[in-house]
Every structure is written in structure tokens, then in C-alpha cells.
């Protein structure tokens, strides 16, 4: 086996959509698992744990976003598959973000019934409610967590708008392919 064959094989793997989806799922799953461990099983959450989770979340976001942008720009993926991959990546990153914010709230504390709370379920609940900008008002951020909650609401608002728009486009394209009878892909 010569170098050109090895390089060609590596190039083929690098453009393989399934390879990247599986790699992404494994990486995202490990970050979510670590967030769950810190949120539900750690006695206390330290600033180092919060920093590590945010570092992992941001690096995951950056690596896969750049890969996806370059892959789409080079037409390495079929258009429908590219949009599906973006949707799946957005769902995975959504889990990472919500978990990272929940762990951060557990570190800083939130206010539930006029007393400080750091329990896992309340922090996760508050993170989901803040991300989706529901704002029930039963739980609120502590003084130290106010700007964090504001950033989560802003990012969540923008994220959900982009995700719903992408999902609508995906469904529109899928409906068009079903009615036309031919898949939309680049060979």
C-alpha cells in the first residue's frame, strides 16, 4: 500500500457523513454524561468543574461548526444530509448548553421560594425554563447568576429561532422531494 492510497482512504473517511455524525454523537454524549455526573452525582460543584464543562462545550461547538461550514461550503455533503446534520448537531449542542448552564446555576445557586437552592433538578428545571424563555417566575437567579441567566435566555432565544427555521426548511425540502419523486443530492 503506497502513500497515495493511504491519503485517498483518509480523505474518503474525512468526507464520510456517517463517520462525522458518529464522532459527533460520541463526543457530545460524553460531554452531556459529564454534565449529568456533575449535576446529579457530585457532592459539590467547583469552579474548575464549571470551567471544564464550558471549555468542552465551546470546543465541541467550534470544532463541529467549523467542520460543518467547510463541508457545506465544499459541497462535500448532499444538501438534505447537510441540513439534517446541522439539525442533529444543534440538538446535541442544545443539550450541552442546557447542561452547562444547569451546572453553572448549581455552582452559583438560584432562589426558590425565597431561599437559595443548589439541588440538581431545580437547577436543570431553571436552565430549561430560562433557555426556552418561558420565565415562570417560581425560581429566579441569585444575584451572582443574573447575567448568566440573561445570557442563557438571549442565546436560547436566538438558538431556538435558528433551529425552528432550519427544521421548517428541512421539512419543506423533504416534502418537495417526496412530491417530485427524486432525491436532491450532489454526486
N, C-alpha and C. Protein backbone atom coordinates (compact mmCIF):
# COMPACT_ATOMS: atom_id res chain seq x y z
N UNK A 1 0.85 -1.18 0.00
CA UNK A 1 0.00 0.00 0.00
C UNK A 1 0.90 1.24 0.00
N UNK A 2 0.70 2.11 -0.96
CA UNK A 2 1.53 3.30 -1.05
C UNK A 2 0.84 4.49 -0.36
N UNK A 3 1.59 5.60 -0.26
CA UNK A 3 1.13 6.79 0.44
C UNK A 3 -0.12 7.39 -0.20
N UNK A 4 -0.20 7.38 -1.53
CA UNK A 4 -1.37 7.95 -2.23
C UNK A 4 -2.64 7.18 -1.87
N UNK A 5 -2.54 5.88 -1.75
CA UNK A 5 -3.70 5.07 -1.38
C UNK A 5 -4.15 5.39 0.04
N UNK A 6 -3.18 5.50 0.95
CA UNK A 6 -3.50 5.83 2.35
C UNK A 6 -4.13 7.21 2.42
N UNK A 7 -3.53 8.18 1.72
CA UNK A 7 -4.06 9.54 1.72
C UNK A 7 -5.46 9.59 1.12
N UNK A 8 -5.68 8.85 0.06
CA UNK A 8 -7.01 8.80 -0.55
C UNK A 8 -8.04 8.17 0.39
N UNK A 9 -7.65 7.14 1.11
CA UNK A 9 -8.55 6.50 2.08
C UNK A 9 -8.89 7.45 3.21
N UNK A 10 -7.88 8.16 3.72
CA UNK A 10 -8.13 9.13 4.79
C UNK A 10 -9.03 10.26 4.31
N UNK A 11 -8.83 10.71 3.08
CA UNK A 11 -9.66 11.76 2.51
C UNK A 11 -11.11 11.28 2.40
N UNK A 12 -11.29 10.03 1.99
CA UNK A 12 -12.64 9.47 1.86
C UNK A 12 -13.32 9.39 3.23
N UNK A 13 -12.59 8.96 4.27
CA UNK A 13 -13.15 8.88 5.62
C UNK A 13 -13.50 10.28 6.12
N UNK A 14 -12.63 11.27 5.84
CA UNK A 14 -12.88 12.63 6.32
C UNK A 14 -14.13 13.23 5.71
N UNK A 15 -14.52 12.78 4.52
CA UNK A 15 -15.73 13.31 3.89
C UNK A 15 -16.94 12.41 4.10
N UNK A 16 -16.77 11.33 4.84
CA UNK A 16 -17.86 10.41 5.10
C UNK A 16 -18.80 11.02 6.14
N UNK A 17 -20.05 11.25 5.77
CA UNK A 17 -21.03 11.90 6.64
C UNK A 17 -21.30 11.08 7.89
N UNK A 18 -21.43 9.78 7.75
CA UNK A 18 -21.75 8.92 8.88
C UNK A 18 -20.61 8.90 9.90
N UNK A 19 -19.37 8.86 9.41
CA UNK A 19 -18.20 8.90 10.29
C UNK A 19 -18.25 10.12 11.20
N UNK A 20 -18.53 11.29 10.62
CA UNK A 20 -18.57 12.53 11.39
C UNK A 20 -19.77 12.57 12.33
N UNK A 21 -20.90 12.05 11.90
CA UNK A 21 -22.07 12.03 12.78
C UNK A 21 -21.82 11.14 13.99
N UNK A 22 -21.24 9.98 13.78
CA UNK A 22 -20.95 9.08 14.90
C UNK A 22 -19.91 9.73 15.83
N UNK A 23 -18.88 10.31 15.26
CA UNK A 23 -17.87 11.00 16.07
C UNK A 23 -18.47 12.12 16.88
N UNK A 24 -19.34 12.88 16.25
CA UNK A 24 -20.01 13.98 16.95
C UNK A 24 -20.89 13.44 18.07
N UNK A 25 -21.66 12.39 17.79
CA UNK A 25 -22.56 11.82 18.80
C UNK A 25 -21.77 11.31 20.00
N UNK A 26 -20.63 10.67 19.76
CA UNK A 26 -19.81 10.16 20.86
C UNK A 26 -19.26 11.32 21.70
N UNK A 27 -18.73 12.35 21.05
CA UNK A 27 -18.17 13.49 21.77
C UNK A 27 -19.25 14.23 22.55
N UNK A 28 -20.37 14.51 21.91
CA UNK A 28 -21.46 15.22 22.58
C UNK A 28 -22.02 14.39 23.72
N UNK A 29 -22.17 13.11 23.48
CA UNK A 29 -22.67 12.23 24.54
C UNK A 29 -21.76 12.23 25.76
N UNK A 30 -20.45 12.26 25.53
CA UNK A 30 -19.52 12.26 26.66
C UNK A 30 -19.61 13.57 27.43
N UNK A 31 -19.82 14.69 26.73
CA UNK A 31 -19.94 15.98 27.42
C UNK A 31 -21.23 16.01 28.22
N UNK A 32 -22.33 15.54 27.65
CA UNK A 32 -23.61 15.50 28.37
C UNK A 32 -23.49 14.57 29.58
N UNK A 33 -22.83 13.43 29.40
CA UNK A 33 -22.65 12.49 30.51
C UNK A 33 -21.85 13.13 31.64
N UNK A 34 -20.81 13.87 31.29
CA UNK A 34 -20.02 14.54 32.31
C UNK A 34 -20.86 15.60 33.02
N UNK A 35 -21.68 16.34 32.26
CA UNK A 35 -22.57 17.32 32.87
C UNK A 35 -23.57 16.68 33.82
N UNK A 36 -24.13 15.55 33.41
CA UNK A 36 -25.07 14.81 34.27
C UNK A 36 -24.37 14.35 35.54
N UNK A 37 -23.15 13.86 35.39
CA UNK A 37 -22.40 13.40 36.57
C UNK A 37 -22.17 14.55 37.55
N UNK A 38 -21.75 15.71 37.03
CA UNK A 38 -21.53 16.85 37.92
C UNK A 38 -22.82 17.38 38.50
N UNK A 39 -23.87 17.37 37.71
CA UNK A 39 -25.13 17.93 38.16
C UNK A 39 -25.81 17.04 39.21
N UNK A 40 -25.84 15.74 38.96
CA UNK A 40 -26.62 14.86 39.83
C UNK A 40 -25.80 14.06 40.84
N UNK A 41 -24.53 13.81 40.57
CA UNK A 41 -23.79 12.90 41.44
C UNK A 41 -22.66 13.55 42.23
N UNK A 42 -22.26 14.74 41.87
CA UNK A 42 -21.18 15.40 42.61
C UNK A 42 -21.75 16.01 43.89
N UNK A 43 -20.99 15.87 44.96
CA UNK A 43 -21.41 16.45 46.24
C UNK A 43 -21.50 17.97 46.13
N UNK A 44 -20.46 18.56 45.59
CA UNK A 44 -20.44 20.00 45.33
C UNK A 44 -19.86 20.22 43.95
N UNK A 45 -20.20 21.33 43.36
CA UNK A 45 -19.67 21.70 42.05
C UNK A 45 -18.64 22.80 42.27
N UNK A 46 -17.45 22.57 41.76
CA UNK A 46 -16.37 23.55 41.93
C UNK A 46 -16.28 24.45 40.70
N UNK A 47 -15.58 25.54 40.84
CA UNK A 47 -15.37 26.44 39.70
C UNK A 47 -14.58 25.73 38.61
N UNK A 48 -13.67 24.84 38.99
CA UNK A 48 -12.89 24.08 37.99
C UNK A 48 -13.80 23.18 37.17
N UNK A 49 -14.80 22.58 37.81
CA UNK A 49 -15.73 21.71 37.09
C UNK A 49 -16.56 22.53 36.10
N UNK A 50 -17.03 23.69 36.53
CA UNK A 50 -17.80 24.57 35.65
C UNK A 50 -16.95 25.01 34.47
N UNK A 51 -15.72 25.41 34.73
CA UNK A 51 -14.82 25.86 33.67
C UNK A 51 -14.52 24.73 32.69
N UNK A 52 -14.30 23.51 33.20
CA UNK A 52 -14.02 22.38 32.32
C UNK A 52 -15.21 22.06 31.43
N UNK A 53 -16.42 22.08 31.99
CA UNK A 53 -17.61 21.79 31.20
C UNK A 53 -17.83 22.85 30.12
N UNK A 54 -17.64 24.12 30.46
CA UNK A 54 -17.80 25.18 29.47
C UNK A 54 -16.72 25.09 28.39
N UNK A 55 -15.50 24.75 28.77
CA UNK A 55 -14.42 24.60 27.79
C UNK A 55 -14.74 23.47 26.82
N UNK A 56 -15.22 22.35 27.36
CA UNK A 56 -15.58 21.22 26.50
C UNK A 56 -16.74 21.59 25.57
N UNK A 57 -17.73 22.30 26.11
CA UNK A 57 -18.89 22.68 25.30
C UNK A 57 -18.48 23.62 24.18
N UNK A 58 -17.70 24.65 24.50
CA UNK A 58 -17.28 25.60 23.47
C UNK A 58 -16.37 24.95 22.43
N UNK A 59 -15.44 24.10 22.86
CA UNK A 59 -14.56 23.47 21.89
C UNK A 59 -15.35 22.54 20.97
N UNK A 60 -16.33 21.83 21.51
CA UNK A 60 -17.21 20.98 20.70
C UNK A 60 -17.98 21.84 19.70
N UNK A 61 -18.54 22.95 20.17
CA UNK A 61 -19.26 23.87 19.29
C UNK A 61 -18.37 24.34 18.14
N UNK A 62 -17.20 24.79 18.48
CA UNK A 62 -16.30 25.37 17.49
C UNK A 62 -15.84 24.33 16.47
N UNK A 63 -15.37 23.18 16.94
CA UNK A 63 -14.85 22.16 16.04
C UNK A 63 -15.91 21.70 15.05
N UNK A 64 -17.08 21.33 15.53
CA UNK A 64 -18.08 20.79 14.64
C UNK A 64 -18.76 21.86 13.80
N UNK A 65 -18.85 23.08 14.30
CA UNK A 65 -19.42 24.16 13.48
C UNK A 65 -18.49 24.49 12.31
N UNK A 66 -17.20 24.58 12.59
CA UNK A 66 -16.23 24.86 11.52
C UNK A 66 -16.22 23.73 10.50
N UNK A 67 -16.19 22.48 11.00
CA UNK A 67 -16.21 21.33 10.10
C UNK A 67 -17.44 21.36 9.21
N UNK A 68 -18.59 21.65 9.79
CA UNK A 68 -19.83 21.66 9.03
C UNK A 68 -19.84 22.78 7.99
N UNK A 69 -19.39 23.96 8.38
CA UNK A 69 -19.35 25.08 7.44
C UNK A 69 -18.43 24.76 6.26
N UNK A 70 -17.25 24.23 6.54
CA UNK A 70 -16.34 23.88 5.45
C UNK A 70 -16.90 22.75 4.59
N UNK A 71 -17.52 21.77 5.24
CA UNK A 71 -18.12 20.66 4.49
C UNK A 71 -19.23 21.13 3.57
N UNK A 72 -20.06 22.03 4.06
CA UNK A 72 -21.16 22.56 3.24
C UNK A 72 -20.59 23.46 2.14
N UNK A 73 -19.60 24.28 2.49
CA UNK A 73 -19.02 25.19 1.50
C UNK A 73 -18.35 24.42 0.37
N UNK A 74 -17.77 23.27 0.67
CA UNK A 74 -17.09 22.47 -0.35
C UNK A 74 -18.05 21.52 -1.05
N UNK A 75 -19.33 21.57 -0.70
CA UNK A 75 -20.34 20.65 -1.24
C UNK A 75 -19.94 19.19 -1.01
N UNK A 76 -19.34 18.93 0.17
CA UNK A 76 -18.92 17.57 0.49
C UNK A 76 -20.12 16.69 0.87
N UNK A 77 -21.21 17.31 1.26
CA UNK A 77 -22.38 16.57 1.69
C UNK A 77 -23.54 16.84 0.75
N UNK A 78 -24.42 15.88 0.68
CA UNK A 78 -25.65 16.12 -0.07
C UNK A 78 -26.45 17.19 0.68
N UNK A 79 -27.15 18.08 -0.02
CA UNK A 79 -27.85 19.19 0.65
C UNK A 79 -28.80 18.73 1.75
N UNK A 80 -29.57 17.69 1.50
CA UNK A 80 -30.51 17.22 2.52
C UNK A 80 -29.75 16.66 3.72
N UNK A 81 -28.69 15.92 3.48
CA UNK A 81 -27.89 15.35 4.57
C UNK A 81 -27.21 16.46 5.36
N UNK A 82 -26.73 17.49 4.69
CA UNK A 82 -26.08 18.61 5.37
C UNK A 82 -27.07 19.29 6.32
N UNK A 83 -28.28 19.51 5.86
CA UNK A 83 -29.28 20.15 6.72
C UNK A 83 -29.67 19.25 7.88
N UNK A 84 -29.77 17.97 7.63
CA UNK A 84 -30.07 17.02 8.69
C UNK A 84 -28.94 17.00 9.71
N UNK A 85 -27.70 17.04 9.24
CA UNK A 85 -26.56 17.06 10.15
C UNK A 85 -26.55 18.33 10.98
N UNK A 86 -26.88 19.46 10.38
CA UNK A 86 -26.95 20.71 11.14
C UNK A 86 -28.01 20.59 12.22
N UNK A 87 -29.18 20.03 11.88
CA UNK A 87 -30.25 19.88 12.86
C UNK A 87 -29.83 18.96 14.01
N UNK A 88 -29.19 17.85 13.69
CA UNK A 88 -28.74 16.93 14.74
C UNK A 88 -27.66 17.56 15.61
N UNK A 89 -26.76 18.29 15.00
CA UNK A 89 -25.72 18.96 15.77
C UNK A 89 -26.35 20.02 16.67
N UNK A 90 -27.34 20.73 16.17
CA UNK A 90 -28.00 21.74 17.00
C UNK A 90 -28.70 21.10 18.20
N UNK A 91 -29.32 19.94 18.02
CA UNK A 91 -29.97 19.25 19.15
C UNK A 91 -28.92 18.82 20.17
N UNK A 92 -27.81 18.26 19.70
CA UNK A 92 -26.75 17.85 20.61
C UNK A 92 -26.14 19.02 21.37
N UNK A 93 -25.89 20.10 20.66
CA UNK A 93 -25.32 21.27 21.31
C UNK A 93 -26.31 21.91 22.27
N UNK A 94 -27.59 21.84 21.94
CA UNK A 94 -28.63 22.34 22.84
C UNK A 94 -28.54 21.60 24.18
N UNK A 95 -28.40 20.29 24.14
CA UNK A 95 -28.24 19.50 25.37
C UNK A 95 -26.99 19.94 26.13
N UNK A 96 -25.89 20.14 25.41
CA UNK A 96 -24.66 20.59 26.05
C UNK A 96 -24.83 21.93 26.73
N UNK A 97 -25.45 22.87 26.04
CA UNK A 97 -25.63 24.22 26.58
C UNK A 97 -26.52 24.19 27.82
N UNK A 98 -27.66 23.51 27.73
CA UNK A 98 -28.57 23.47 28.87
C UNK A 98 -27.89 22.82 30.07
N UNK A 99 -27.15 21.75 29.84
CA UNK A 99 -26.45 21.08 30.93
C UNK A 99 -25.36 21.98 31.51
N UNK A 100 -24.61 22.68 30.66
CA UNK A 100 -23.56 23.57 31.15
C UNK A 100 -24.14 24.70 31.99
N UNK A 101 -25.26 25.26 31.55
CA UNK A 101 -25.91 26.31 32.35
C UNK A 101 -26.45 25.74 33.66
N UNK A 102 -27.02 24.54 33.65
CA UNK A 102 -27.55 23.94 34.88
C UNK A 102 -26.43 23.73 35.90
N UNK A 103 -25.28 23.24 35.44
CA UNK A 103 -24.15 23.04 36.35
C UNK A 103 -23.67 24.39 36.88
N UNK A 104 -23.68 25.41 36.03
CA UNK A 104 -23.28 26.75 36.46
C UNK A 104 -24.25 27.28 37.52
N UNK A 105 -25.54 27.07 37.32
CA UNK A 105 -26.51 27.50 38.33
C UNK A 105 -26.32 26.74 39.64
N UNK A 106 -25.95 25.49 39.54
CA UNK A 106 -25.71 24.73 40.76
C UNK A 106 -24.52 25.31 41.51
N UNK A 107 -23.55 25.79 40.77
CA UNK A 107 -22.37 26.41 41.40
C UNK A 107 -22.73 27.75 42.04
N UNK A 108 -23.43 28.61 41.29
CA UNK A 108 -23.76 29.95 41.80
C UNK A 108 -24.99 29.96 42.70
N UNK A 109 -25.87 29.00 42.51
CA UNK A 109 -27.10 28.95 43.29
C UNK A 109 -28.21 29.75 42.62
N UNK A 110 -29.45 29.34 42.87
CA UNK A 110 -30.63 30.04 42.39
C UNK A 110 -31.59 30.20 43.56
N UNK A 111 -32.60 31.02 43.41
CA UNK A 111 -33.52 31.29 44.50
C UNK A 111 -34.86 30.63 44.20
N UNK A 112 -35.26 29.75 45.12
CA UNK A 112 -36.52 29.04 45.01
C UNK A 112 -37.28 29.25 46.32
N UNK A 113 -38.45 29.83 46.25
CA UNK A 113 -39.27 30.13 47.43
C UNK A 113 -38.49 30.97 48.45
N UNK A 114 -37.83 31.98 47.94
CA UNK A 114 -37.07 32.94 48.75
C UNK A 114 -35.90 32.35 49.52
N UNK A 115 -35.46 31.15 49.15
CA UNK A 115 -34.25 30.60 49.76
C UNK A 115 -33.35 30.08 48.65
N UNK A 116 -32.04 30.08 48.94
CA UNK A 116 -31.09 29.64 47.92
C UNK A 116 -31.20 28.13 47.72
N UNK A 117 -31.19 27.73 46.46
CA UNK A 117 -31.27 26.31 46.11
C UNK A 117 -30.10 25.94 45.22
N UNK A 118 -29.57 24.76 45.43
CA UNK A 118 -28.49 24.23 44.60
C UNK A 118 -28.76 22.79 44.20
N UNK A 119 -30.00 22.35 44.37
CA UNK A 119 -30.30 20.96 44.02
C UNK A 119 -30.38 20.80 42.51
N UNK A 120 -30.03 19.62 42.06
CA UNK A 120 -29.85 19.33 40.63
C UNK A 120 -31.11 19.53 39.81
N UNK A 121 -32.22 19.00 40.26
CA UNK A 121 -33.46 19.07 39.49
C UNK A 121 -33.92 20.52 39.33
N UNK A 122 -33.83 21.30 40.40
CA UNK A 122 -34.24 22.70 40.31
C UNK A 122 -33.33 23.48 39.36
N UNK A 123 -32.04 23.21 39.41
CA UNK A 123 -31.10 23.90 38.51
C UNK A 123 -31.35 23.51 37.05
N UNK A 124 -31.59 22.23 36.79
CA UNK A 124 -31.90 21.79 35.44
C UNK A 124 -33.22 22.38 34.96
N UNK A 125 -34.22 22.36 35.83
CA UNK A 125 -35.53 22.96 35.51
C UNK A 125 -35.36 24.44 35.17
N UNK A 126 -34.63 25.16 36.01
CA UNK A 126 -34.43 26.59 35.76
C UNK A 126 -33.69 26.83 34.45
N UNK A 127 -32.71 25.98 34.15
CA UNK A 127 -31.97 26.13 32.91
C UNK A 127 -32.88 25.93 31.69
N UNK A 128 -33.73 24.91 31.72
CA UNK A 128 -34.64 24.67 30.60
C UNK A 128 -35.65 25.80 30.46
N UNK A 129 -36.21 26.25 31.58
CA UNK A 129 -37.19 27.34 31.54
C UNK A 129 -36.54 28.63 31.04
N UNK A 130 -35.30 28.89 31.45
CA UNK A 130 -34.61 30.09 31.00
C UNK A 130 -34.22 29.99 29.54
N UNK A 131 -33.73 28.83 29.11
CA UNK A 131 -33.32 28.63 27.71
C UNK A 131 -34.50 28.88 26.77
N UNK A 132 -35.66 28.35 27.14
CA UNK A 132 -36.84 28.49 26.28
C UNK A 132 -37.55 29.82 26.51
N UNK A 133 -37.03 30.64 27.37
CA UNK A 133 -37.57 31.96 27.74
C UNK A 133 -39.01 31.90 28.22
N UNK A 134 -39.38 30.80 28.89
CA UNK A 134 -40.72 30.71 29.48
C UNK A 134 -40.86 31.66 30.66
N UNK A 135 -39.90 31.63 31.57
CA UNK A 135 -39.90 32.54 32.69
C UNK A 135 -41.12 32.43 33.59
N UNK A 136 -41.34 31.27 34.17
CA UNK A 136 -42.49 31.09 35.05
C UNK A 136 -42.45 32.00 36.27
N UNK A 137 -41.27 32.27 36.79
CA UNK A 137 -41.14 33.15 37.94
C UNK A 137 -41.10 32.43 39.27
N UNK A 138 -41.29 31.13 39.28
CA UNK A 138 -41.24 30.38 40.54
C UNK A 138 -39.82 30.22 41.06
N UNK A 139 -38.85 30.19 40.17
CA UNK A 139 -37.43 30.11 40.52
C UNK A 139 -36.76 31.26 39.79
N UNK A 140 -35.81 31.90 40.47
CA UNK A 140 -35.12 33.02 39.84
C UNK A 140 -33.63 32.94 40.13
N UNK A 141 -32.83 33.62 39.32
CA UNK A 141 -31.37 33.52 39.53
C UNK A 141 -30.95 34.27 40.79
N UNK A 142 -29.88 33.78 41.41
CA UNK A 142 -29.29 34.52 42.53
C UNK A 142 -28.61 35.76 41.97
N UNK A 143 -28.18 36.61 42.85
CA UNK A 143 -27.51 37.84 42.42
C UNK A 143 -26.30 37.53 41.55
N UNK A 144 -25.54 36.51 41.92
CA UNK A 144 -24.34 36.14 41.16
C UNK A 144 -24.67 35.52 39.81
N UNK A 145 -25.86 34.97 39.65
CA UNK A 145 -26.20 34.25 38.41
C UNK A 145 -27.09 35.05 37.47
N UNK A 146 -27.37 36.28 37.76
CA UNK A 146 -28.29 37.06 36.91
C UNK A 146 -27.79 37.25 35.49
N UNK A 147 -26.54 37.64 35.33
CA UNK A 147 -26.01 37.83 33.97
C UNK A 147 -25.89 36.51 33.23
N UNK A 148 -25.63 35.45 33.95
CA UNK A 148 -25.57 34.13 33.33
C UNK A 148 -26.95 33.74 32.81
N UNK A 149 -27.98 33.98 33.62
CA UNK A 149 -29.35 33.67 33.19
C UNK A 149 -29.76 34.53 32.00
N UNK A 150 -29.35 35.79 32.02
CA UNK A 150 -29.66 36.67 30.88
C UNK A 150 -28.99 36.18 29.61
N UNK A 151 -27.73 35.74 29.72
CA UNK A 151 -27.03 35.23 28.53
C UNK A 151 -27.70 33.94 28.04
N UNK A 152 -28.16 33.09 28.96
CA UNK A 152 -28.83 31.86 28.53
C UNK A 152 -30.13 32.18 27.81
N UNK A 153 -30.90 33.13 28.31
CA UNK A 153 -32.16 33.50 27.65
C UNK A 153 -31.90 34.06 26.25
N UNK A 154 -30.89 34.92 26.14
CA UNK A 154 -30.58 35.51 24.83
C UNK A 154 -30.09 34.45 23.84
N UNK A 155 -29.16 33.62 24.27
CA UNK A 155 -28.65 32.57 23.39
C UNK A 155 -29.76 31.58 23.05
N UNK A 156 -30.56 31.22 24.03
CA UNK A 156 -31.66 30.28 23.79
C UNK A 156 -32.69 30.82 22.81
N UNK A 157 -32.98 32.09 22.92
CA UNK A 157 -33.95 32.73 22.02
C UNK A 157 -33.45 32.68 20.57
N UNK A 158 -32.20 33.06 20.38
CA UNK A 158 -31.61 33.05 19.03
C UNK A 158 -31.48 31.61 18.53
N UNK A 159 -31.02 30.71 19.39
CA UNK A 159 -30.83 29.30 19.03
C UNK A 159 -32.14 28.66 18.59
N UNK A 160 -33.19 28.86 19.37
CA UNK A 160 -34.47 28.24 19.05
C UNK A 160 -35.03 28.80 17.74
N UNK A 161 -34.86 30.08 17.49
CA UNK A 161 -35.33 30.67 16.23
C UNK A 161 -34.60 30.05 15.05
N UNK A 162 -33.28 29.91 15.17
CA UNK A 162 -32.49 29.30 14.09
C UNK A 162 -32.87 27.83 13.90
N UNK A 163 -33.08 27.12 14.99
CA UNK A 163 -33.41 25.71 14.91
C UNK A 163 -34.79 25.50 14.28
N UNK A 164 -35.76 26.29 14.67
CA UNK A 164 -37.11 26.16 14.09
C UNK A 164 -37.09 26.52 12.61
N UNK A 165 -36.33 27.55 12.24
CA UNK A 165 -36.19 27.90 10.83
C UNK A 165 -35.55 26.78 10.03
N UNK A 166 -34.51 26.17 10.58
CA UNK A 166 -33.84 25.07 9.91
C UNK A 166 -34.77 23.86 9.79
N UNK A 167 -35.50 23.57 10.83
CA UNK A 167 -36.44 22.45 10.80
C UNK A 167 -37.53 22.68 9.76
N UNK A 168 -38.03 23.91 9.68
CA UNK A 168 -39.05 24.22 8.67
C UNK A 168 -38.48 24.05 7.26
N UNK A 169 -37.26 24.48 7.03
CA UNK A 169 -36.62 24.31 5.73
C UNK A 169 -36.40 22.85 5.42
N UNK A 170 -35.98 22.07 6.41
CA UNK A 170 -35.78 20.64 6.22
C UNK A 170 -37.09 19.96 5.83
N UNK A 171 -38.16 20.28 6.53
CA UNK A 171 -39.47 19.68 6.23
C UNK A 171 -39.98 20.12 4.86
N UNK A 172 -39.76 21.40 4.49
CA UNK A 172 -40.16 21.89 3.18
C UNK A 172 -39.42 21.14 2.08
N UNK A 173 -38.12 20.97 2.25
CA UNK A 173 -37.32 20.28 1.25
C UNK A 173 -37.72 18.80 1.17
N UNK A 174 -37.98 18.18 2.30
CA UNK A 174 -38.40 16.79 2.32
C UNK A 174 -39.74 16.62 1.60
N UNK A 175 -40.66 17.52 1.85
CA UNK A 175 -41.96 17.46 1.18
C UNK A 175 -41.80 17.64 -0.33
N UNK A 176 -40.92 18.53 -0.73
CA UNK A 176 -40.68 18.76 -2.16
C UNK A 176 -40.07 17.52 -2.81
N UNK A 177 -39.14 16.85 -2.10
CA UNK A 177 -38.54 15.64 -2.65
C UNK A 177 -39.55 14.50 -2.75
N UNK A 178 -40.44 14.41 -1.79
CA UNK A 178 -41.46 13.36 -1.83
C UNK A 178 -42.42 13.57 -2.99
N UNK A 179 -42.84 14.82 -3.20
CA UNK A 179 -43.79 15.10 -4.29
C UNK A 179 -43.11 15.01 -5.64
N UNK A 180 -41.84 15.35 -5.75
CA UNK A 180 -41.16 15.27 -7.04
C UNK A 180 -40.69 13.85 -7.35
N UNK A 181 -40.48 13.05 -6.31
CA UNK A 181 -40.07 11.67 -6.51
C UNK A 181 -38.60 11.46 -6.71
N UNK A 182 -37.79 12.51 -6.67
CA UNK A 182 -36.34 12.33 -6.85
C UNK A 182 -35.59 12.99 -5.69
N UNK A 183 -34.62 12.28 -5.13
CA UNK A 183 -33.86 12.85 -4.03
C UNK A 183 -32.95 13.98 -4.53
N UNK A 184 -32.80 14.99 -3.69
CA UNK A 184 -31.97 16.15 -4.01
C UNK A 184 -30.56 15.91 -3.46
N UNK A 185 -29.65 15.51 -4.31
CA UNK A 185 -28.28 15.29 -3.84
C UNK A 185 -27.30 15.61 -4.95
N UNK A 186 -26.06 15.88 -4.49
CA UNK A 186 -24.97 16.20 -5.39
C UNK A 186 -24.07 14.98 -5.45
N UNK A 187 -23.76 14.52 -6.62
CA UNK A 187 -22.86 13.36 -6.80
C UNK A 187 -21.48 13.85 -7.15
